[in-house]
C-alpha cells in the first residue's frame, strides 16, 4: 500500500521572512490575499517546533511560505538556505494514512493541530529526493490567521500546478522509490541534450549540457525527477548547493512574446532566466531563478512554438495527459 498522494494542495517554501516573501510572490504570481498564522507542534524527537507561515492562492495553486523559528525546518533552513521544501497533500482518512506509513516505513517527523484540524509532516526527505510530504485535513487547509492584502499583478497567468520538480542523483532509483512509496506508476522519460536544442543558454551565455528526466503522475499529483549529467545547469547547481531537493514548479504555458515581456520586467527585480533552450518548431522552455525575491524557488515556463506542439511531441493522449494533466 502506497502513501495516498493523489493531489497537491500547496507548495511549501522555507524563507527567512514570510511577509517579505509574500510581497514578492504577490508581484510575481498576482496573489493579493494572504493569511499569516503562527504554528507550534512537536517533532518526533520530542523537540517543540514553531514557525510562522504565509498562505496564499493563485487560480487554485496554493503556496505556503514557512518562516521557521525552531525545530526541524529551522535546522533545514540553517543548513541548506531558502528554497522549496515540501508539498501539502490533502487527506480525509488519518487511519488509512497511518496504515500506509506502516507499510511503506515512512515515519511521522512532526505534527500539530491547526485551525481545529491536523497537519502531519512525514520523514520522507531521505527517500524522496529531499521532498517532505505534509498531510493536512480540510480544517487545517481552510483559510485562517491574520488577513494580509498585498499589491501585485501576475507577471504570467497562473493556469494550474502542472508539476513539482525534484533534483536527484540517480533517476532510476528515484523513479523506483516514487513508484513504490507514492504509487506513481505512469512515467514519461525525456532526455535533454543541448546539441539538439538551438539557443541553449545558462544565465545568458551559450552552454552545452545533458540531463535526463522523468515526469510521473498519480491522478492530480505530478512530479518531475531530474538527473543532471554533463555541463552547467541549474539542476547541477541545486544538487551542489542543497543536495537532492525540490527545485522548481511549472504553472504557466505562455507565448514567446509574453515570456520575453515577463523576463524584461523581472530582470530589474533580480529574477533572471537561469537556463533556457528550445526544440525547433515545437516548444521552448526556461527557468526563472527566483533567487532572494522568491526565496529560492525556480519557476519553469513552457513556450509553445506550434498550436499542436503537445500532440507533435507526445502523439499518445495518455502520454500527453501524464505531462500536462487533463
Protein backbone atom coordinates (compact mmCIF):
# COMPACT_ATOMS: atom_id res chain seq x y z
CA UNK A 1 0.00 0.00 0.00
CA UNK A 2 1.50 3.33 -1.08
CA UNK A 3 1.05 6.72 0.55
CA UNK A 4 -2.19 8.39 -0.62
CA UNK A 5 -0.67 11.21 -2.68
CA UNK A 6 -3.23 11.95 -5.41
CA UNK A 7 -3.34 15.76 -5.25
CA UNK A 8 -1.17 18.68 -4.15
CA UNK A 9 -2.93 21.41 -2.20
CA UNK A 10 0.09 23.68 -1.68
CA UNK A 11 3.76 24.04 -2.49
CA UNK A 12 5.85 24.81 0.59
CA UNK A 13 8.89 27.11 0.61
CA UNK A 14 11.24 27.84 3.51
CA UNK A 15 12.09 31.52 3.92
CA UNK A 16 13.70 33.78 6.49
CA UNK A 17 10.88 36.33 6.23
CA UNK A 18 7.47 35.07 5.12
CA UNK A 19 5.89 38.53 4.94
CA UNK A 20 8.61 39.90 2.68
CA UNK A 21 8.48 36.79 0.52
CA UNK A 22 4.68 37.04 0.28
CA UNK A 23 5.12 40.56 -1.10
CA UNK A 24 7.33 39.25 -3.89
CA UNK A 25 5.02 36.30 -4.62
CA UNK A 26 2.18 38.81 -4.91
CA UNK A 27 4.17 40.72 -7.54
CA UNK A 28 5.14 37.55 -9.43
CA UNK A 29 2.05 35.35 -9.20
CA UNK A 30 -0.57 38.02 -8.55
CA UNK A 31 -1.50 36.61 -5.13
CA UNK A 32 -3.09 39.55 -3.33
CA UNK A 33 -4.81 37.80 -0.42
CA UNK A 34 -2.68 36.06 2.23
CA UNK A 35 -3.21 34.62 5.70
CA UNK A 36 -0.46 34.85 8.31
CA UNK A 37 -0.50 32.34 11.18
CA UNK A 38 1.85 31.11 13.91
CA UNK A 39 2.05 27.36 14.41
CA UNK A 40 3.56 25.25 17.17
CA UNK A 41 3.91 21.47 17.24
CA UNK A 42 6.16 18.68 18.38
CA UNK A 43 8.73 16.79 16.35
CA UNK A 44 9.23 13.05 16.57
CA UNK A 45 12.45 13.60 18.53
CA UNK A 46 10.44 15.36 21.26
CA UNK A 47 11.53 18.87 20.40
CA UNK A 48 8.96 21.60 20.11
CA UNK A 49 8.96 23.30 16.75
CA UNK A 50 7.46 26.60 15.74
CA UNK A 51 7.05 28.57 12.55
CA UNK A 52 5.17 31.48 11.06
CA UNK A 53 3.50 30.88 7.72
CA UNK A 54 2.01 32.96 4.94
CA UNK A 55 -0.56 31.11 2.81
CA UNK A 56 -1.95 32.35 -0.49
CA UNK A 57 -3.51 31.03 -3.69
CA UNK A 58 -3.34 31.93 -7.37
CA UNK A 59 -6.04 30.31 -9.51
CA UNK A 60 -6.25 27.40 -7.09
CA UNK A 61 -2.47 26.89 -6.84
CA UNK A 62 -1.53 27.18 -3.18
CA UNK A 63 1.71 28.42 -1.65
CA UNK A 64 2.77 28.33 1.97
CA UNK A 65 5.84 30.34 2.88
CA UNK A 66 7.30 28.92 6.08
CA UNK A 67 9.45 31.08 8.36
CA UNK A 68 10.92 28.55 10.82
CA UNK A 69 11.64 29.60 14.37
CA UNK A 70 12.71 26.30 15.93
CA UNK A 71 12.78 22.60 15.19
CA UNK A 72 13.48 20.53 12.04
CA UNK A 73 12.60 23.20 9.49
CA UNK A 74 14.79 25.72 11.29
CA UNK A 75 17.63 23.18 11.08
CA UNK A 76 16.99 22.65 7.37
CA UNK A 77 16.91 26.39 6.66
CA UNK A 78 20.19 26.87 8.52
CA UNK A 79 21.84 24.01 6.64
CA UNK A 80 20.52 24.49 3.10
CA UNK A 81 19.18 28.02 2.91
CA UNK A 82 15.89 29.21 1.49
CA UNK A 83 14.05 27.18 -1.09
CA UNK A 84 11.13 24.86 -1.81
CA UNK A 85 10.98 22.03 0.70
CA UNK A 86 7.61 20.28 0.72
CA UNK A 87 4.20 19.72 -0.75
CA UNK A 88 0.97 19.71 1.22
CA UNK A 89 -1.31 16.77 0.44
CA UNK A 90 -4.99 16.80 1.42
CA UNK A 91 -6.27 13.85 3.42
CA UNK A 92 -9.64 12.75 4.78
CA UNK A 93 -8.57 9.49 6.41
CA UNK A 94 -5.84 9.57 9.05
CA UNK A 95 -6.27 5.86 9.74
CA UNK A 96 -5.56 4.96 6.12
CA UNK A 97 -2.53 7.24 6.15
CA UNK A 98 -1.21 5.53 9.29
CA UNK A 99 -1.61 2.14 7.64
CA UNK A 100 0.21 3.33 4.53
CA UNK A 101 3.02 4.75 6.67
CA UNK A 102 3.41 1.44 8.46
CA UNK A 103 3.58 -0.46 5.19
CA UNK A 104 6.00 1.94 3.47
CA UNK A 105 8.14 2.55 6.54
CA UNK A 106 7.80 6.36 6.28
CA UNK A 107 7.61 7.61 9.85
CA UNK A 108 6.00 10.78 11.18
CA UNK A 109 8.55 13.57 11.53
CA UNK A 110 6.33 16.09 13.31
CA UNK A 111 2.70 17.08 13.69
CA UNK A 112 0.48 19.76 15.12
CA UNK A 113 -3.12 20.86 15.27
CA UNK A 114 -4.08 23.87 13.15
CA UNK A 115 -7.38 25.73 12.87
CA UNK A 116 -9.13 22.80 14.55
CA UNK A 117 -7.59 20.36 12.09
CA UNK A 118 -4.40 18.33 11.88
CA UNK A 119 -1.11 18.50 9.97
CA UNK A 120 1.44 15.71 9.82
CA UNK A 121 4.95 16.04 8.39
CA UNK A 122 6.39 12.76 7.18
CA UNK A 123 10.08 11.94 7.46
CA UNK A 124 10.34 11.47 3.71
CA UNK A 125 13.29 13.67 2.74
CA UNK A 126 15.87 10.90 2.61
CA UNK A 127 13.74 8.59 0.50
CA UNK A 128 12.05 11.11 -1.82
CA UNK A 129 14.98 13.19 -3.02
CA UNK A 130 14.78 15.90 -0.39
CA UNK A 131 11.00 16.29 -0.67
CA UNK A 132 8.94 16.41 2.54
CA UNK A 133 5.31 15.33 2.43
CA UNK A 134 2.89 17.19 4.68
CA UNK A 135 -0.61 15.79 5.05
CA UNK A 136 -3.43 18.09 6.17
CA UNK A 137 -7.17 17.68 6.62
CA UNK A 138 -9.81 20.12 5.40
CA UNK A 139 -9.89 22.16 8.60
CA UNK A 140 -6.13 22.65 8.60
CA UNK A 141 -6.23 23.65 4.94
CA UNK A 142 -9.03 26.19 5.39
CA UNK A 143 -8.07 29.85 5.31
CA UNK A 144 -7.13 31.07 8.79
CA UNK A 145 -4.87 33.54 10.51
CA UNK A 146 -4.50 37.28 10.07
CA UNK A 147 -5.56 38.54 6.65
CA UNK A 148 -2.91 40.39 4.66
CA UNK A 149 -3.62 42.18 1.38
CA UNK A 150 -0.63 42.84 -0.88
CA UNK A 151 -0.45 44.64 -4.23
CA UNK A 152 0.62 42.87 -7.38
CA UNK A 153 -0.41 41.50 -10.76
CA UNK A 154 0.62 38.16 -12.24
CA UNK A 155 3.65 38.52 -14.50
CA UNK A 156 2.34 35.45 -16.33
CA UNK A 157 -1.09 33.94 -15.67
CA UNK A 158 -1.09 31.01 -13.26
CA UNK A 159 -3.02 28.25 -15.03
CA UNK A 160 -2.56 25.24 -12.73
CA UNK A 161 0.17 23.30 -10.96
CA UNK A 162 1.47 21.25 -13.86
CA UNK A 163 4.32 19.69 -11.89
CA UNK A 164 6.68 19.90 -8.93
CA UNK A 165 10.27 19.15 -9.88
CA UNK A 166 12.88 17.39 -7.72
CA UNK A 167 16.62 17.25 -8.40
CA UNK A 168 18.04 13.77 -7.83
CA UNK A 169 21.34 11.95 -8.35
CA UNK A 170 20.02 8.64 -9.68
CA UNK A 171 16.92 8.81 -11.86
CA UNK A 172 16.22 5.10 -11.97
CA UNK A 173 16.47 4.69 -8.21
CA UNK A 174 14.31 7.76 -7.60
CA UNK A 175 11.63 6.55 -10.00
CA UNK A 176 11.55 3.22 -8.20
CA UNK A 177 11.08 4.95 -4.84
CA UNK A 178 8.31 7.22 -6.11
CA UNK A 179 6.62 4.21 -7.66
CA UNK A 180 6.84 2.10 -4.52
CA UNK A 181 6.14 4.78 -1.90
CA UNK A 182 3.74 7.11 -3.73
CA UNK A 183 2.16 4.78 -6.25
CA UNK A 184 3.35 6.84 -9.23
CA UNK A 185 3.16 4.21 -11.97
CA UNK A 186 2.80 6.34 -15.13
CA UNK A 187 6.07 7.92 -16.31
CA UNK A 188 7.39 9.75 -19.37
CA UNK A 189 11.18 9.67 -19.84
CA UNK A 190 12.83 12.62 -21.59
CA UNK A 191 16.46 13.22 -22.49
CA UNK A 192 17.95 16.71 -22.63
CA UNK A 193 20.92 17.29 -24.94
CA UNK A 194 21.85 20.88 -25.76
CA UNK A 195 23.47 19.70 -29.00
CA UNK A 196 19.96 19.08 -30.30
CA UNK A 197 18.47 22.26 -28.82
CA UNK A 198 19.44 25.52 -30.54
CA UNK A 199 19.94 28.56 -28.40
CA UNK A 200 20.60 26.67 -25.18
CA UNK A 201 21.79 29.16 -22.56
CA UNK A 202 22.89 29.13 -18.94
CA UNK A 203 22.46 32.55 -17.31
CA UNK A 204 22.53 34.30 -20.67
CA UNK A 205 25.57 32.53 -22.12
CA UNK A 206 25.67 29.65 -24.62
CA UNK A 207 26.02 26.32 -22.83
CA UNK A 208 26.44 22.66 -23.61
CA UNK A 209 24.88 20.17 -21.24
CA UNK A 210 22.95 16.93 -20.92
CA UNK A 211 20.44 15.65 -18.40
CA UNK A 212 17.69 13.11 -18.17
CA UNK A 213 14.35 13.45 -16.53
CA UNK A 214 11.11 11.60 -15.93
CA UNK A 215 7.64 13.04 -15.42
CA UNK A 216 5.33 10.89 -13.34
CA UNK A 217 1.69 11.29 -12.38
CA UNK A 218 -0.78 9.80 -9.96
CA UNK A 219 -4.15 11.42 -10.57
CA UNK A 220 -3.77 15.13 -9.73
CA UNK A 221 -0.20 14.89 -8.38
CA UNK A 222 2.60 15.27 -10.93
CA UNK A 223 6.31 15.06 -10.15
CA UNK A 224 9.29 15.65 -12.40
CA UNK A 225 12.58 13.99 -11.42
CA UNK A 226 15.73 15.48 -12.96
CA UNK A 227 19.22 13.95 -13.01
CA UNK A 228 21.89 16.31 -14.40
CA UNK A 229 24.63 14.59 -16.39
CA UNK A 230 27.16 16.93 -18.00
CA UNK A 231 27.77 20.65 -18.27
CA UNK A 232 26.49 23.65 -16.30
CA UNK A 233 22.79 23.62 -15.42
CA UNK A 234 20.50 24.99 -12.76
CA UNK A 235 19.89 21.32 -11.94
CA UNK A 236 23.56 20.74 -11.08
CA UNK A 237 23.70 23.99 -9.12
CA UNK A 238 20.85 22.78 -6.91
CA UNK A 239 22.50 19.43 -6.19
CA UNK A 240 25.83 21.08 -5.43
CA UNK A 241 24.36 23.71 -3.09
CA UNK A 242 21.38 21.96 -1.48
CA UNK A 243 21.76 18.27 -2.22
CA UNK A 244 18.75 16.37 -3.53
CA UNK A 245 15.87 18.80 -3.22
CA UNK A 246 12.62 20.20 -4.51
CA UNK A 247 13.64 22.83 -7.04
CA UNK A 248 11.02 24.31 -9.37
CA UNK A 249 7.39 24.32 -10.30
CA UNK A 250 5.59 24.84 -13.58
CA UNK A 251 2.33 26.79 -13.52
CA UNK A 252 2.25 28.57 -16.89
CA UNK A 253 2.33 27.93 -20.62
CA UNK A 254 2.96 31.25 -22.36
CA UNK A 255 3.54 32.50 -25.91
CA UNK A 256 7.16 33.54 -26.55
CA UNK A 257 6.26 37.23 -26.69
CA UNK A 258 4.59 37.05 -23.27
CA UNK A 259 7.60 35.24 -21.85
CA UNK A 260 10.01 37.85 -23.22
CA UNK A 261 7.88 40.64 -21.77
CA UNK A 262 7.89 38.90 -18.38
CA UNK A 263 11.67 38.37 -18.50
CA UNK A 264 12.23 42.05 -19.22
CA UNK A 265 10.01 43.08 -16.31
CA UNK A 266 11.56 40.64 -13.84
CA UNK A 267 15.26 41.15 -14.53
CA UNK A 268 15.45 44.55 -12.79
CA UNK A 269 13.86 42.91 -9.73
CA UNK A 270 16.62 40.29 -9.53
CA UNK A 271 14.61 37.43 -11.05
CA UNK A 272 16.55 36.32 -14.12
CA UNK A 273 16.41 33.47 -16.61
CA UNK A 274 18.80 30.84 -15.31
CA UNK A 275 18.52 28.36 -18.16
CA UNK A 276 16.71 28.15 -21.48
CA UNK A 277 16.50 26.03 -24.62
CA UNK A 278 14.17 25.19 -27.48
CA UNK A 279 13.02 22.34 -29.66
CA UNK A 280 12.61 23.94 -33.10
CA UNK A 281 9.04 24.12 -34.29
CA UNK A 282 7.66 22.62 -31.08
CA UNK A 283 8.40 24.46 -27.86
CA UNK A 284 10.90 26.44 -25.81
CA UNK A 285 11.39 26.19 -22.07
CA UNK A 286 13.10 28.35 -19.49
CA UNK A 287 13.55 28.67 -15.76
CA UNK A 288 13.21 31.90 -13.84
CA UNK A 289 15.69 31.92 -10.96
CA UNK A 290 13.59 33.29 -8.10
CA UNK A 291 16.71 33.93 -6.03
CA UNK A 292 16.21 36.07 -2.96
CA UNK A 293 12.85 37.58 -4.03
CA UNK A 294 11.08 34.20 -4.32
CA UNK A 295 13.11 32.59 -1.51
CA UNK A 296 14.98 30.23 -3.81
CA UNK A 297 12.05 28.96 -5.88
CA UNK A 298 12.67 28.40 -9.60
CA UNK A 299 9.70 28.71 -11.98
CA UNK A 300 9.62 26.88 -15.30
CA UNK A 301 7.71 28.34 -18.25
CA UNK A 302 6.99 26.45 -21.45
CA UNK A 303 6.53 28.49 -24.61
CA UNK A 304 4.59 26.65 -27.34
CA UNK A 305 6.00 27.27 -30.84
CA UNK A 306 3.13 25.49 -32.58
CA UNK A 307 -0.55 25.24 -31.75
CA UNK A 308 -0.30 21.43 -31.74
CA UNK A 309 3.08 21.23 -30.01
CA UNK A 310 1.88 18.78 -27.37
CA UNK A 311 0.40 16.39 -29.95
CA UNK A 312 3.57 16.56 -32.03
CA UNK A 313 5.79 15.80 -29.03
CA UNK A 314 3.51 13.20 -27.47
CA UNK A 315 1.17 11.65 -30.07
CA UNK A 316 -0.33 9.35 -27.44
CA UNK A 317 -3.10 11.13 -25.47
CA UNK A 318 -2.22 9.06 -22.40
CA UNK A 319 1.39 10.21 -22.51
CA UNK A 320 0.34 13.83 -23.03
CA UNK A 321 -2.01 13.56 -20.05
CA UNK A 322 0.87 12.48 -17.81
CA UNK A 323 2.78 15.62 -18.80
CA UNK A 324 0.08 18.28 -18.58
CA UNK A 325 -2.89 16.59 -16.89
CA UNK A 326 -6.49 16.67 -18.04
